Amino acid sequence: MVAFRDIKPQAPVHFLVIPRRHIQNLFELQIEDAALMGKLIFTAQELAITEGMGKKGGRFVINCKEDGDQSVEHVHIHVLGGRKLGWPPG
């Protein structure tokens, strides 16, 4: 896994967690990727706690394809927090 801060943050805390192995999007996942995706989520959780989000929470987002506003064709999870996030997003 690789993690880094988003270059256009949408919240005080906004970082991405990305598996090193290429998977284009969620629709490309295979059953063999279940452990990798579990590790992606747990890595995101661990880093969110490190960033102080453990008490109040935050948002974990995986955009998928054009209608899901996926701008990078490699599965990744956005982690956002540090303020109250509204719904719907935007």
N, C-alpha and C. Protein backbone atom coordinates (compact mmCIF):
# COMPACT_ATOMS: atom_id res chain seq x y z
N MET A 1 0.84 -1.18 0.00
CA MET A 1 0.00 0.00 0.00
C MET A 1 0.88 1.24 0.00
N VAL A 2 0.34 2.29 -0.61
CA VAL A 2 0.97 3.60 -0.61
C VAL A 2 -0.10 4.59 -0.16
N ALA A 3 0.29 5.58 0.64
CA ALA A 3 -0.65 6.61 1.08
C ALA A 3 0.01 7.98 0.93
N PHE A 4 -0.81 8.95 0.54
CA PHE A 4 -0.31 10.32 0.46
C PHE A 4 -1.50 11.28 0.51
N ARG A 5 -1.22 12.52 0.84
CA ARG A 5 -2.25 13.55 0.94
C ARG A 5 -2.76 13.93 -0.46
N ASP A 6 -4.05 14.22 -0.54
CA ASP A 6 -4.66 14.63 -1.80
C ASP A 6 -4.13 16.01 -2.20
N ILE A 7 -3.86 16.21 -3.48
CA ILE A 7 -3.31 17.49 -3.94
C ILE A 7 -4.38 18.59 -3.97
N LYS A 8 -5.66 18.20 -3.93
CA LYS A 8 -6.76 19.16 -3.86
C LYS A 8 -7.69 18.75 -2.71
N PRO A 9 -7.23 18.93 -1.48
CA PRO A 9 -7.99 18.42 -0.33
C PRO A 9 -9.38 19.04 -0.22
N GLN A 10 -10.34 18.19 0.11
CA GLN A 10 -11.73 18.61 0.29
C GLN A 10 -12.12 18.68 1.76
N ALA A 11 -11.17 18.43 2.64
CA ALA A 11 -11.38 18.48 4.08
C ALA A 11 -10.02 18.71 4.73
N PRO A 12 -9.99 19.13 6.00
CA PRO A 12 -8.70 19.32 6.68
C PRO A 12 -7.80 18.08 6.62
N VAL A 13 -8.40 16.92 6.71
CA VAL A 13 -7.67 15.66 6.51
C VAL A 13 -8.22 15.04 5.23
N HIS A 14 -7.35 14.82 4.25
CA HIS A 14 -7.78 14.18 3.00
C HIS A 14 -6.55 13.51 2.40
N PHE A 15 -6.57 12.19 2.46
CA PHE A 15 -5.46 11.43 1.89
C PHE A 15 -6.00 10.24 1.12
N LEU A 16 -5.14 9.65 0.31
CA LEU A 16 -5.50 8.48 -0.50
C LEU A 16 -4.66 7.30 -0.05
N VAL A 17 -5.25 6.12 -0.13
CA VAL A 17 -4.54 4.87 0.11
C VAL A 17 -4.71 4.04 -1.16
N ILE A 18 -3.59 3.56 -1.68
CA ILE A 18 -3.57 2.90 -2.98
C ILE A 18 -2.80 1.59 -2.90
N PRO A 19 -3.37 0.51 -3.41
CA PRO A 19 -2.59 -0.73 -3.47
C PRO A 19 -1.52 -0.61 -4.56
N ARG A 20 -0.38 -1.20 -4.32
CA ARG A 20 0.70 -1.15 -5.32
C ARG A 20 0.33 -1.96 -6.57
N ARG A 21 -0.41 -3.03 -6.40
CA ARG A 21 -0.82 -3.83 -7.55
C ARG A 21 -1.94 -3.12 -8.29
N HIS A 22 -1.84 -3.03 -9.60
CA HIS A 22 -2.82 -2.31 -10.39
C HIS A 22 -4.13 -3.07 -10.52
N ILE A 23 -5.19 -2.38 -10.15
CA ILE A 23 -6.56 -2.81 -10.43
C ILE A 23 -7.24 -1.54 -10.93
N GLN A 24 -7.79 -1.56 -12.11
CA GLN A 24 -8.30 -0.34 -12.73
C GLN A 24 -9.45 0.29 -11.95
N ASN A 25 -10.43 -0.50 -11.52
CA ASN A 25 -11.57 0.03 -10.77
C ASN A 25 -12.26 -1.12 -10.05
N LEU A 26 -13.28 -0.82 -9.26
CA LEU A 26 -13.96 -1.86 -8.48
C LEU A 26 -14.57 -2.95 -9.35
N PHE A 27 -14.99 -2.60 -10.55
CA PHE A 27 -15.61 -3.60 -11.43
C PHE A 27 -14.60 -4.59 -12.00
N GLU A 28 -13.32 -4.30 -11.84
CA GLU A 28 -12.26 -5.20 -12.30
C GLU A 28 -11.81 -6.17 -11.20
N LEU A 29 -12.33 -6.02 -10.00
CA LEU A 29 -11.92 -6.89 -8.89
C LEU A 29 -12.29 -8.35 -9.16
N GLN A 30 -11.45 -9.23 -8.68
CA GLN A 30 -11.70 -10.67 -8.72
C GLN A 30 -11.78 -11.16 -7.27
N ILE A 31 -12.35 -12.32 -7.06
CA ILE A 31 -12.45 -12.86 -5.70
C ILE A 31 -11.07 -12.96 -5.05
N GLU A 32 -10.05 -13.18 -5.85
CA GLU A 32 -8.69 -13.28 -5.33
C GLU A 32 -8.19 -11.95 -4.76
N ASP A 33 -8.88 -10.85 -5.06
CA ASP A 33 -8.49 -9.53 -4.57
C ASP A 33 -9.11 -9.19 -3.21
N ALA A 34 -9.89 -10.10 -2.65
CA ALA A 34 -10.58 -9.81 -1.39
C ALA A 34 -9.61 -9.45 -0.27
N ALA A 35 -8.54 -10.20 -0.12
CA ALA A 35 -7.58 -9.91 0.94
C ALA A 35 -6.90 -8.56 0.71
N LEU A 36 -6.57 -8.26 -0.53
CA LEU A 36 -5.95 -6.98 -0.86
C LEU A 36 -6.88 -5.81 -0.51
N MET A 37 -8.16 -5.93 -0.85
CA MET A 37 -9.11 -4.87 -0.56
C MET A 37 -9.35 -4.75 0.94
N GLY A 38 -9.33 -5.86 1.65
CA GLY A 38 -9.42 -5.80 3.11
C GLY A 38 -8.25 -5.05 3.70
N LYS A 39 -7.06 -5.33 3.19
CA LYS A 39 -5.87 -4.62 3.66
C LYS A 39 -5.96 -3.14 3.33
N LEU A 40 -6.52 -2.80 2.17
CA LEU A 40 -6.71 -1.40 1.80
C LEU A 40 -7.57 -0.68 2.84
N ILE A 41 -8.67 -1.30 3.22
CA ILE A 41 -9.59 -0.69 4.19
C ILE A 41 -8.92 -0.58 5.57
N PHE A 42 -8.25 -1.63 6.00
CA PHE A 42 -7.61 -1.58 7.32
C PHE A 42 -6.45 -0.60 7.35
N THR A 43 -5.73 -0.45 6.25
CA THR A 43 -4.66 0.55 6.18
C THR A 43 -5.27 1.95 6.27
N ALA A 44 -6.36 2.18 5.56
CA ALA A 44 -7.05 3.47 5.62
C ALA A 44 -7.53 3.76 7.04
N GLN A 45 -8.09 2.75 7.69
CA GLN A 45 -8.56 2.91 9.07
C GLN A 45 -7.41 3.28 10.01
N GLU A 46 -6.33 2.56 9.91
CA GLU A 46 -5.17 2.80 10.77
C GLU A 46 -4.63 4.22 10.59
N LEU A 47 -4.50 4.65 9.34
CA LEU A 47 -4.01 6.00 9.08
C LEU A 47 -5.00 7.07 9.53
N ALA A 48 -6.29 6.81 9.38
CA ALA A 48 -7.31 7.76 9.84
C ALA A 48 -7.22 7.94 11.36
N ILE A 49 -7.01 6.87 12.08
CA ILE A 49 -6.84 6.96 13.53
C ILE A 49 -5.60 7.78 13.86
N THR A 50 -4.51 7.52 13.14
CA THR A 50 -3.27 8.28 13.34
C THR A 50 -3.50 9.77 13.09
N GLU A 51 -4.38 10.10 12.15
CA GLU A 51 -4.68 11.49 11.80
C GLU A 51 -5.71 12.12 12.75
N GLY A 52 -6.13 11.40 13.79
CA GLY A 52 -7.04 11.95 14.78
C GLY A 52 -8.51 11.78 14.49
N MET A 53 -8.85 10.91 13.55
CA MET A 53 -10.25 10.74 13.16
C MET A 53 -10.96 9.64 13.95
N GLY A 54 -10.25 8.95 14.83
CA GLY A 54 -10.83 7.81 15.54
C GLY A 54 -12.04 8.15 16.40
N LYS A 55 -12.05 9.34 16.99
CA LYS A 55 -13.14 9.71 17.90
C LYS A 55 -14.38 10.21 17.17
N LYS A 56 -14.21 11.14 16.22
CA LYS A 56 -15.36 11.75 15.55
C LYS A 56 -15.69 11.13 14.21
N GLY A 57 -14.76 10.36 13.63
CA GLY A 57 -15.05 9.68 12.38
C GLY A 57 -14.65 10.48 11.15
N GLY A 58 -15.15 10.04 10.01
CA GLY A 58 -14.82 10.67 8.75
C GLY A 58 -15.51 9.93 7.62
N ARG A 59 -15.00 10.10 6.43
CA ARG A 59 -15.60 9.47 5.25
C ARG A 59 -14.54 8.70 4.49
N PHE A 60 -14.89 7.49 4.05
CA PHE A 60 -14.03 6.63 3.24
C PHE A 60 -14.76 6.44 1.91
N VAL A 61 -14.10 6.83 0.80
CA VAL A 61 -14.77 6.86 -0.50
C VAL A 61 -13.93 6.15 -1.55
N ILE A 62 -14.59 5.32 -2.36
CA ILE A 62 -13.95 4.73 -3.54
C ILE A 62 -14.80 5.14 -4.74
N ASN A 63 -14.27 6.04 -5.55
CA ASN A 63 -14.96 6.45 -6.77
C ASN A 63 -14.74 5.36 -7.84
N CYS A 64 -15.75 5.18 -8.70
CA CYS A 64 -15.64 4.11 -9.68
C CYS A 64 -16.18 4.55 -11.04
N LYS A 65 -15.31 4.50 -12.01
CA LYS A 65 -15.62 4.81 -13.40
C LYS A 65 -16.12 6.24 -13.59
N GLU A 66 -16.54 6.55 -14.81
CA GLU A 66 -16.91 7.92 -15.19
C GLU A 66 -18.03 8.50 -14.34
N ASP A 67 -19.14 7.77 -14.19
CA ASP A 67 -20.27 8.30 -13.42
C ASP A 67 -19.97 8.41 -11.93
N GLY A 68 -18.98 7.67 -11.47
CA GLY A 68 -18.56 7.76 -10.08
C GLY A 68 -17.46 8.78 -9.86
N ASP A 69 -17.10 9.51 -10.90
CA ASP A 69 -16.09 10.57 -10.87
C ASP A 69 -14.69 10.04 -10.57
N GLN A 70 -14.40 8.83 -11.06
CA GLN A 70 -13.05 8.28 -10.90
C GLN A 70 -12.14 8.98 -11.91
N SER A 71 -11.14 9.71 -11.42
CA SER A 71 -10.26 10.47 -12.31
C SER A 71 -8.92 9.79 -12.54
N VAL A 72 -8.58 8.82 -11.71
CA VAL A 72 -7.35 8.04 -11.86
C VAL A 72 -7.75 6.59 -12.02
N GLU A 73 -7.32 5.96 -13.08
CA GLU A 73 -7.74 4.59 -13.36
C GLU A 73 -6.87 3.58 -12.62
N HIS A 74 -6.98 3.63 -11.31
CA HIS A 74 -6.30 2.71 -10.39
C HIS A 74 -7.09 2.77 -9.09
N VAL A 75 -7.56 1.62 -8.61
CA VAL A 75 -8.36 1.60 -7.38
C VAL A 75 -7.62 2.33 -6.27
N HIS A 76 -8.35 3.19 -5.55
CA HIS A 76 -7.81 3.87 -4.38
C HIS A 76 -8.96 4.31 -3.50
N ILE A 77 -8.66 4.55 -2.25
CA ILE A 77 -9.68 5.02 -1.31
C ILE A 77 -9.30 6.40 -0.81
N HIS A 78 -10.26 7.30 -0.85
CA HIS A 78 -10.09 8.63 -0.27
C HIS A 78 -10.53 8.56 1.18
N VAL A 79 -9.77 9.16 2.06
CA VAL A 79 -10.13 9.27 3.47
C VAL A 79 -10.22 10.75 3.79
N LEU A 80 -11.39 11.18 4.26
CA LEU A 80 -11.63 12.59 4.55
C LEU A 80 -12.14 12.76 5.97
N GLY A 81 -11.68 13.80 6.64
CA GLY A 81 -12.14 14.07 8.00
C GLY A 81 -11.60 15.39 8.50
N GLY A 82 -11.73 15.58 9.80
CA GLY A 82 -11.26 16.81 10.42
C GLY A 82 -12.31 17.89 10.50
N ARG A 83 -13.50 17.61 9.99
CA ARG A 83 -14.65 18.53 10.08
C ARG A 83 -15.91 17.73 9.81
N LYS A 84 -17.06 18.30 10.13
CA LYS A 84 -18.35 17.68 9.83
C LYS A 84 -18.53 17.67 8.32
N LEU A 85 -18.80 16.50 7.77
CA LEU A 85 -19.01 16.35 6.33
C LEU A 85 -20.51 16.20 6.06
N GLY A 86 -21.02 16.98 5.13
CA GLY A 86 -22.44 16.94 4.81
C GLY A 86 -22.78 15.85 3.81
N TRP A 87 -24.09 15.64 3.63
CA TRP A 87 -24.58 14.70 2.63
C TRP A 87 -25.75 15.34 1.92
N PRO A 88 -25.87 15.32 0.64
CA PRO A 88 -24.94 14.67 -0.27
C PRO A 88 -23.63 15.47 -0.38
N PRO A 89 -22.56 14.79 -0.79
CA PRO A 89 -21.29 15.49 -0.93
C PRO A 89 -21.35 16.48 -2.09
N GLY A 90 -20.46 17.45 -2.05
CA GLY A 90 -20.39 18.38 -3.16
C GLY A 90 -20.56 19.81 -2.75
